[in-house]
């Protein structure tokens, strides 16, 4: 009787344990967003750019760049999900670039609210202010460099090491913006 009861318990545990296998997300079916760019275009509309690494040896361009004219980051993700070749995952986002025009016009905190509230975003996303249009960086073609998001991350790390720039993360920017004794800098 004890062996029969133990067998039933073990069978029930085996049925319940692999419950997460249907929630699996393969790398081939995803688009890893590693860099975002925010700017305002000529018509004063918000432009959001996304750079994602392509994991395919046969492709010459090492990253895919998507752009969208939207009102919020959430709308941009919907547009990017409909046009990319996989489900967009933003949990590995490394660099967020903000155009000078957007910073001068209205501030960035209302737009960044979505990024702060998304639990999948990490707080260590590097924030970068871009002098000029963000599209000039996002649409550039670096032939002899790694993929754009990785290149930007490496460039920021080197500049930080040699005091060429400051390092501001998404979390630090939030603290800087709401602390009365600190002037925010990115």
Protein backbone atom coordinates (compact mmCIF):
# COMPACT_ATOMS: atom_id res chain seq x y z
CA UNK A 1 0.00 0.00 0.00
CA UNK A 2 2.84 2.43 0.83
CA UNK A 3 4.59 1.63 -2.46
CA UNK A 4 1.36 2.24 -4.37
CA UNK A 5 0.86 5.60 -2.62
CA UNK A 6 4.46 6.62 -3.31
CA UNK A 7 4.05 5.66 -6.97
CA UNK A 8 0.96 7.86 -7.25
CA UNK A 9 2.75 10.79 -5.58
CA UNK A 10 5.76 10.43 -7.90
CA UNK A 11 3.50 10.26 -10.97
CA UNK A 12 1.62 13.38 -9.86
CA UNK A 13 4.89 15.23 -9.30
CA UNK A 14 6.12 14.22 -12.76
CA UNK A 15 2.94 15.53 -14.32
CA UNK A 16 3.09 18.87 -12.48
CA UNK A 17 6.87 19.50 -12.69
CA UNK A 18 7.39 20.02 -16.46
CA UNK A 19 4.60 22.62 -16.54
CA UNK A 20 6.86 25.37 -17.89
CA UNK A 21 7.84 23.58 -21.10
CA UNK A 22 5.01 25.16 -23.10
CA UNK A 23 6.15 28.65 -22.07
CA UNK A 24 9.52 28.23 -23.76
CA UNK A 25 10.78 30.88 -26.18
CA UNK A 26 13.42 29.80 -28.69
CA UNK A 27 16.18 32.22 -29.68
CA UNK A 28 15.37 31.68 -33.37
CA UNK A 29 11.82 32.92 -32.77
CA UNK A 30 12.82 36.10 -30.94
CA UNK A 31 14.20 39.49 -31.82
CA UNK A 32 16.52 40.76 -29.09
CA UNK A 33 16.28 44.53 -28.87
CA UNK A 34 19.67 45.80 -27.78
CA UNK A 35 19.43 49.51 -28.65
CA UNK A 36 16.59 52.02 -28.78
CA UNK A 37 16.68 55.54 -30.16
CA UNK A 38 14.18 58.31 -29.44
CA UNK A 39 13.93 61.50 -31.45
CA UNK A 40 11.53 64.05 -32.91
CA UNK A 41 11.23 64.29 -36.69
CA UNK A 42 10.60 67.36 -38.86
CA UNK A 43 6.84 67.20 -38.21
CA UNK A 44 7.35 67.18 -34.40
CA UNK A 45 6.30 63.52 -34.19
CA UNK A 46 8.05 61.05 -31.91
CA UNK A 47 10.33 58.67 -33.82
CA UNK A 48 11.48 55.50 -32.09
CA UNK A 49 14.25 53.37 -33.57
CA UNK A 50 15.18 49.85 -32.57
CA UNK A 51 18.36 47.94 -33.39
CA UNK A 52 18.34 44.17 -32.98
CA UNK A 53 21.15 41.72 -33.55
CA UNK A 54 20.63 39.13 -36.28
CA UNK A 55 21.88 35.67 -35.35
CA UNK A 56 22.59 34.34 -38.84
CA UNK A 57 26.02 33.79 -40.37
CA UNK A 58 24.73 34.11 -43.94
CA UNK A 59 23.51 37.70 -43.50
CA UNK A 60 25.94 40.53 -44.31
CA UNK A 61 24.33 43.15 -42.09
CA UNK A 62 24.71 42.10 -38.46
CA UNK A 63 21.70 43.96 -37.09
CA UNK A 64 18.19 44.94 -38.10
CA UNK A 65 17.01 48.51 -37.67
CA UNK A 66 13.32 49.34 -37.35
CA UNK A 67 11.78 52.80 -37.12
CA UNK A 68 8.30 53.95 -36.23
CA UNK A 69 6.42 57.26 -35.93
CA UNK A 70 4.31 56.86 -32.78
CA UNK A 71 3.11 58.59 -29.63
CA UNK A 72 4.50 56.19 -26.98
CA UNK A 73 7.03 53.41 -26.56
CA UNK A 74 4.22 50.90 -26.10
CA UNK A 75 2.82 51.75 -29.54
CA UNK A 76 6.30 51.40 -31.01
CA UNK A 77 6.63 47.89 -29.60
CA UNK A 78 3.34 46.92 -31.22
CA UNK A 79 4.55 48.25 -34.58
CA UNK A 80 7.94 46.55 -34.19
CA UNK A 81 6.30 43.23 -33.26
CA UNK A 82 4.19 43.37 -36.41
CA UNK A 83 7.16 44.08 -38.70
CA UNK A 84 10.01 42.05 -37.17
CA UNK A 85 10.73 38.40 -37.89
CA UNK A 86 10.27 37.29 -34.27
CA UNK A 87 8.72 38.26 -30.97
CA UNK A 88 10.54 41.31 -29.61
CA UNK A 89 12.28 40.82 -26.27
CA UNK A 90 13.43 44.03 -24.56
CA UNK A 91 14.83 42.49 -21.39
CA UNK A 92 18.37 42.66 -22.79
CA UNK A 93 18.21 46.31 -23.86
CA UNK A 94 21.66 47.85 -23.42
CA UNK A 95 21.59 51.37 -24.89
CA UNK A 96 18.83 53.96 -25.09
CA UNK A 97 19.70 57.02 -27.20
CA UNK A 98 17.72 60.23 -26.90
CA UNK A 99 17.94 62.96 -29.51
CA UNK A 100 18.90 66.50 -28.59
CA UNK A 101 15.70 67.88 -30.10
CA UNK A 102 13.53 65.69 -27.87
CA UNK A 103 15.48 66.60 -24.75
CA UNK A 104 15.12 70.32 -25.48
CA UNK A 105 11.49 70.25 -26.51
CA UNK A 106 9.51 68.47 -23.83
CA UNK A 107 11.75 66.48 -21.56
CA UNK A 108 11.94 62.75 -21.56
CA UNK A 109 10.41 61.60 -18.26
CA UNK A 110 6.80 61.23 -19.49
CA UNK A 111 8.05 59.10 -22.38
CA UNK A 112 10.36 57.03 -20.17
CA UNK A 113 7.54 56.19 -17.78
CA UNK A 114 6.69 53.09 -19.83
CA UNK A 115 10.29 51.89 -19.62
CA UNK A 116 10.32 52.34 -15.84
CA UNK A 117 7.06 50.47 -15.34
CA UNK A 118 7.95 47.47 -17.50
CA UNK A 119 9.29 44.76 -15.16
CA UNK A 120 11.18 43.12 -18.02
CA UNK A 121 13.46 46.14 -18.43
CA UNK A 122 16.58 46.25 -16.35
CA UNK A 123 17.70 49.37 -14.55
CA UNK A 124 21.19 49.27 -16.06
CA UNK A 125 20.27 50.41 -19.57
CA UNK A 126 22.84 53.02 -20.61
CA UNK A 127 21.29 56.39 -21.39
CA UNK A 128 22.94 58.42 -24.16
CA UNK A 129 22.17 61.94 -25.35
CA UNK A 130 22.76 62.29 -29.08
CA UNK A 131 23.84 65.63 -30.52
CA UNK A 132 21.93 65.80 -33.78
CA UNK A 133 19.44 63.27 -35.13
CA UNK A 134 19.41 59.74 -33.71
CA UNK A 135 18.75 58.40 -37.21
CA UNK A 136 22.29 59.35 -38.24
CA UNK A 137 23.62 56.77 -35.79
CA UNK A 138 20.91 54.14 -36.15
CA UNK A 139 21.01 54.14 -39.95
CA UNK A 140 24.80 54.18 -40.25
CA UNK A 141 26.54 51.16 -41.72
CA UNK A 142 29.68 50.04 -39.92
CA UNK A 143 31.24 47.40 -42.15
CA UNK A 144 34.34 46.57 -40.11
CA UNK A 145 32.70 46.86 -36.66
CA UNK A 146 30.52 44.48 -34.66
CA UNK A 147 26.75 44.92 -34.64
CA UNK A 148 25.70 48.49 -33.79
CA UNK A 149 24.26 47.79 -30.31
CA UNK A 150 27.37 45.86 -29.28
CA UNK A 151 29.66 48.48 -30.79
CA UNK A 152 27.89 51.29 -28.91
CA UNK A 153 28.13 49.37 -25.63
CA UNK A 154 31.85 48.75 -26.11
CA UNK A 155 32.42 52.38 -27.11
CA UNK A 156 30.63 53.65 -24.00
CA UNK A 157 32.60 51.28 -21.76
CA UNK A 158 35.94 52.44 -23.19
CA UNK A 159 34.99 56.13 -22.92
CA UNK A 160 33.83 55.64 -19.33
CA UNK A 161 37.08 53.89 -18.41
CA UNK A 162 39.16 56.81 -19.69
CA UNK A 163 36.82 59.53 -18.35
CA UNK A 164 35.70 60.52 -21.83
CA UNK A 165 32.04 60.42 -20.84
CA UNK A 166 29.81 59.88 -17.86
CA UNK A 167 27.87 56.70 -17.35
CA UNK A 168 24.19 57.19 -16.64
CA UNK A 169 21.84 54.24 -16.44
CA UNK A 170 18.07 54.31 -16.62
CA UNK A 171 17.84 53.91 -12.85
CA UNK A 172 20.39 56.67 -12.15
CA UNK A 173 18.58 59.03 -14.53
CA UNK A 174 15.38 58.54 -12.58
CA UNK A 175 17.20 59.41 -9.36
CA UNK A 176 18.89 62.45 -10.97
CA UNK A 177 15.63 63.81 -12.36
CA UNK A 178 13.78 63.78 -9.05
CA UNK A 179 16.60 64.69 -6.65
CA UNK A 180 16.61 68.43 -5.99
CA UNK A 181 20.34 68.57 -5.29
CA UNK A 182 21.54 66.87 -8.49
CA UNK A 183 21.53 68.21 -12.03
CA UNK A 184 20.71 65.35 -14.41
CA UNK A 185 23.37 64.49 -16.97
CA UNK A 186 23.45 61.86 -19.69
